[in-house]
Amino acid sequence: MELMIAVAVVAIVAAFAIPSYQRSVQRSYWQAARDILMAIYSGEQVYFAADNKFYAPGVWSKIYTDNPNGVIPVTFSVVENGLTGAAATFTATATYTPNGQTQTVNQNRVFGGTWAQP
């Protein structure tokens, strides 16, 4: 009887702990993606200051960051419009692999996307 009560208590605690843990992991991925997007944004600004245009990374080190792909279950990409000066734009996107939700940041440091903070 005591063993059944102990098992029931553990099951109840697990029922509350597991969803909380999953939210915590999701929140850490969201924040890591936001931090990496900020690193990409900063690198793009430095690249723009030197070359008067933005860079779509084929070589991530040109925007002073390591390749962020494969570190967490998020894929990062950058798209730029190929123009120079004031007309130049870029959008960096972080896509959360399990569900396809995204976070974006552009040359004006405006965040967007479908991946809301958990």
C-alpha atoms as a PDB file:
ATOM      1  CA  MET A   1       0.000   0.000   0.000  1.00  0.00           C
ATOM      2  CA  GLU A   2       2.795   2.433   0.880  1.00  0.00           C
ATOM      3  CA  LEU A   3       4.550   1.608  -2.380  1.00  0.00           C
ATOM      4  CA  MET A   4       1.381   2.406  -4.357  1.00  0.00           C
ATOM      5  CA  ILE A   5       1.074   5.775  -2.614  1.00  0.00           C
ATOM      6  CA  ALA A   6       4.729   6.564  -3.323  1.00  0.00           C
ATOM      7  CA  VAL A   7       4.291   5.666  -7.001  1.00  0.00           C
ATOM      8  CA  ALA A   8       1.148   7.817  -7.215  1.00  0.00           C
ATOM      9  CA  VAL A   9       2.955  10.806  -5.674  1.00  0.00           C
ATOM     10  CA  VAL A  10       5.857  10.421  -8.116  1.00  0.00           C
ATOM     11  CA  ALA A  11       3.416  10.209 -11.025  1.00  0.00           C
ATOM     12  CA  ILE A  12       1.638  13.396  -9.922  1.00  0.00           C
ATOM     13  CA  VAL A  13       4.941  15.262  -9.543  1.00  0.00           C
ATOM     14  CA  ALA A  14       6.088  14.042 -12.977  1.00  0.00           C
ATOM     15  CA  ALA A  15       2.799  15.168 -14.529  1.00  0.00           C
ATOM     16  CA  PHE A  16       3.589  18.736 -13.472  1.00  0.00           C
ATOM     17  CA  ALA A  17       7.376  18.652 -13.907  1.00  0.00           C
ATOM     18  CA  ILE A  18       7.631  17.293 -17.463  1.00  0.00           C
ATOM     19  CA  PRO A  19       5.569  20.039 -19.206  1.00  0.00           C
ATOM     20  CA  SER A  20       7.422  22.674 -17.196  1.00  0.00           C
ATOM     21  CA  TYR A  21      10.742  21.198 -18.281  1.00  0.00           C
ATOM     22  CA  GLN A  22       9.644  21.123 -21.928  1.00  0.00           C
ATOM     23  CA  ARG A  23       8.615  24.808 -21.769  1.00  0.00           C
ATOM     24  CA  SER A  24      11.963  25.629 -20.204  1.00  0.00           C
ATOM     25  CA  VAL A  25      13.849  23.871 -23.020  1.00  0.00           C
ATOM     26  CA  GLN A  26      11.702  25.619 -25.665  1.00  0.00           C
ATOM     27  CA  ARG A  27      12.336  28.982 -23.975  1.00  0.00           C
ATOM     28  CA  SER A  28      16.112  28.348 -23.977  1.00  0.00           C
ATOM     29  CA  TYR A  29      16.053  27.535 -27.728  1.00  0.00           C
ATOM     30  CA  TRP A  30      14.036  30.693 -28.382  1.00  0.00           C
ATOM     31  CA  GLN A  31      16.502  32.846 -26.437  1.00  0.00           C
ATOM     32  CA  ALA A  32      19.539  31.183 -28.040  1.00  0.00           C
ATOM     33  CA  ALA A  33      18.031  31.850 -31.485  1.00  0.00           C
ATOM     34  CA  ARG A  34      17.405  35.498 -30.551  1.00  0.00           C
ATOM     35  CA  ASP A  35      21.003  35.868 -29.311  1.00  0.00           C
ATOM     36  CA  ILE A  36      22.407  34.357 -32.519  1.00  0.00           C
ATOM     37  CA  LEU A  37      20.182  36.637 -34.622  1.00  0.00           C
ATOM     38  CA  MET A  38      21.625  39.600 -32.717  1.00  0.00           C
ATOM     39  CA  ALA A  39      25.160  38.357 -33.451  1.00  0.00           C
ATOM     40  CA  ILE A  40      24.252  38.079 -37.147  1.00  0.00           C
ATOM     41  CA  TYR A  41      22.716  41.572 -37.052  1.00  0.00           C
ATOM     42  CA  SER A  42      25.877  43.015 -35.476  1.00  0.00           C
ATOM     43  CA  GLY A  43      28.116  41.249 -37.989  1.00  0.00           C
ATOM     44  CA  GLU A  44      26.010  42.537 -40.869  1.00  0.00           C
ATOM     45  CA  GLN A  45      26.293  46.092 -39.551  1.00  0.00           C
ATOM     46  CA  VAL A  46      30.087  45.815 -39.370  1.00  0.00           C
ATOM     47  CA  TYR A  47      30.228  44.310 -42.876  1.00  0.00           C
ATOM     48  CA  PHE A  48      28.004  47.137 -44.162  1.00  0.00           C
ATOM     49  CA  ALA A  49      30.260  49.770 -42.571  1.00  0.00           C
ATOM     50  CA  ALA A  50      33.249  48.314 -44.451  1.00  0.00           C
ATOM     51  CA  ASP A  51      31.629  47.468 -47.838  1.00  0.00           C
ATOM     52  CA  ASN A  52      28.472  49.624 -47.997  1.00  0.00           C
ATOM     53  CA  LYS A  53      26.350  46.500 -48.590  1.00  0.00           C
ATOM     54  CA  PHE A  54      25.082  43.497 -46.622  1.00  0.00           C
ATOM     55  CA  TYR A  55      26.287  39.929 -47.012  1.00  0.00           C
ATOM     56  CA  ALA A  56      24.336  36.671 -47.433  1.00  0.00           C
ATOM     57  CA  PRO A  57      26.705  34.237 -45.711  1.00  0.00           C
ATOM     58  CA  GLY A  58      28.340  31.612 -47.801  1.00  0.00           C
ATOM     59  CA  VAL A  59      31.199  32.067 -45.370  1.00  0.00           C
ATOM     60  CA  TRP A  60      29.867  33.051 -41.949  1.00  0.00           C
ATOM     61  CA  SER A  61      33.213  34.433 -40.789  1.00  0.00           C
ATOM     62  CA  LYS A  62      32.785  37.385 -43.196  1.00  0.00           C
ATOM     63  CA  ILE A  63      30.141  38.713 -40.805  1.00  0.00           C
ATOM     64  CA  TYR A  64      32.323  37.818 -37.821  1.00  0.00           C
ATOM     65  CA  THR A  65      30.392  34.819 -36.557  1.00  0.00           C
ATOM     66  CA  ASP A  66      30.780  31.064 -36.618  1.00  0.00           C
ATOM     67  CA  ASN A  67      28.290  28.990 -38.583  1.00  0.00           C
ATOM     68  CA  PRO A  68      25.383  28.776 -36.101  1.00  0.00           C
ATOM     69  CA  ASN A  69      23.650  25.872 -37.863  1.00  0.00           C
ATOM     70  CA  GLY A  70      23.767  22.534 -36.071  1.00  0.00           C
ATOM     71  CA  VAL A  71      24.296  23.983 -32.598  1.00  0.00           C
ATOM     72  CA  ILE A  72      20.620  23.911 -31.591  1.00  0.00           C
ATOM     73  CA  PRO A  73      17.582  22.581 -33.513  1.00  0.00           C
ATOM     74  CA  VAL A  74      17.291  25.928 -35.327  1.00  0.00           C
ATOM     75  CA  THR A  75      18.381  26.718 -38.892  1.00  0.00           C
ATOM     76  CA  PHE A  76      19.747  30.181 -39.657  1.00  0.00           C
ATOM     77  CA  SER A  77      19.794  31.975 -42.999  1.00  0.00           C
ATOM     78  CA  VAL A  78      20.367  35.500 -44.317  1.00  0.00           C
ATOM     79  CA  VAL A  79      18.885  37.063 -47.449  1.00  0.00           C
ATOM     80  CA  GLU A  80      20.124  40.412 -48.756  1.00  0.00           C
ATOM     81  CA  ASN A  81      18.877  42.385 -51.739  1.00  0.00           C
ATOM     82  CA  GLY A  82      22.249  42.959 -53.446  1.00  0.00           C
ATOM     83  CA  LEU A  83      21.976  46.745 -53.387  1.00  0.00           C
ATOM     84  CA  THR A  84      24.423  49.182 -51.814  1.00  0.00           C
ATOM     85  CA  GLY A  85      24.063  52.221 -49.605  1.00  0.00           C
ATOM     86  CA  ALA A  86      20.719  53.301 -48.180  1.00  0.00           C
ATOM     87  CA  ALA A  87      18.797  50.883 -50.434  1.00  0.00           C
ATOM     88  CA  ALA A  88      20.612  47.826 -49.045  1.00  0.00           C
ATOM     89  CA  THR A  89      18.534  45.481 -46.884  1.00  0.00           C
ATOM     90  CA  PHE A  90      18.852  42.081 -45.252  1.00  0.00           C
ATOM     91  CA  THR A  91      16.686  39.698 -43.292  1.00  0.00           C
ATOM     92  CA  ALA A  92      18.152  37.040 -41.026  1.00  0.00           C
ATOM     93  CA  THR A  93      15.828  34.149 -40.206  1.00  0.00           C
ATOM     94  CA  ALA A  94      15.956  31.508 -37.486  1.00  0.00           C
ATOM     95  CA  THR A  95      13.662  28.535 -38.190  1.00  0.00           C
ATOM     96  CA  TYR A  96      12.865  26.184 -35.295  1.00  0.00           C
ATOM     97  CA  THR A  97      13.225  22.759 -36.900  1.00  0.00           C
ATOM     98  CA  PRO A  98      10.543  20.742 -35.021  1.00  0.00           C
ATOM     99  CA  ASN A  99       7.602  22.977 -35.937  1.00  0.00           C
ATOM    100  CA  GLY A 100       8.843  25.441 -38.581  1.00  0.00           C
ATOM    101  CA  GLN A 101       8.220  28.581 -36.535  1.00  0.00           C
ATOM    102  CA  THR A 102      10.520  31.500 -37.333  1.00  0.00           C
ATOM    103  CA  GLN A 103      12.163  34.548 -35.818  1.00  0.00           C
ATOM    104  CA  THR A 104      13.522  37.267 -38.096  1.00  0.00           C
ATOM    105  CA  VAL A 105      15.571  40.433 -37.744  1.00  0.00           C
ATOM    106  CA  ASN A 106      16.247  42.998 -40.457  1.00  0.00           C
ATOM    107  CA  GLN A 107      18.761  45.788 -41.087  1.00  0.00           C
ATOM    108  CA  ASN A 108      16.729  48.121 -38.860  1.00  0.00           C
ATOM    109  CA  ARG A 109      16.833  45.653 -35.935  1.00  0.00           C
ATOM    110  CA  VAL A 110      13.117  44.979 -36.261  1.00  0.00           C
ATOM    111  CA  PHE A 111      12.181  41.511 -35.023  1.00  0.00           C
ATOM    112  CA  GLY A 112       9.345  39.485 -36.490  1.00  0.00           C
ATOM    113  CA  GLY A 113       8.306  35.959 -37.316  1.00  0.00           C
ATOM    114  CA  THR A 114       5.861  33.383 -36.052  1.00  0.00           C
ATOM    115  CA  TRP A 115       7.863  31.996 -33.125  1.00  0.00           C
ATOM    116  CA  ALA A 116       6.553  33.824 -30.071  1.00  0.00           C
ATOM    117  CA  GLN A 117       8.483  33.753 -26.816  1.00  0.00           C
ATOM    118  CA  PRO A 118       7.324  30.705 -24.832  1.00  0.00           C
END
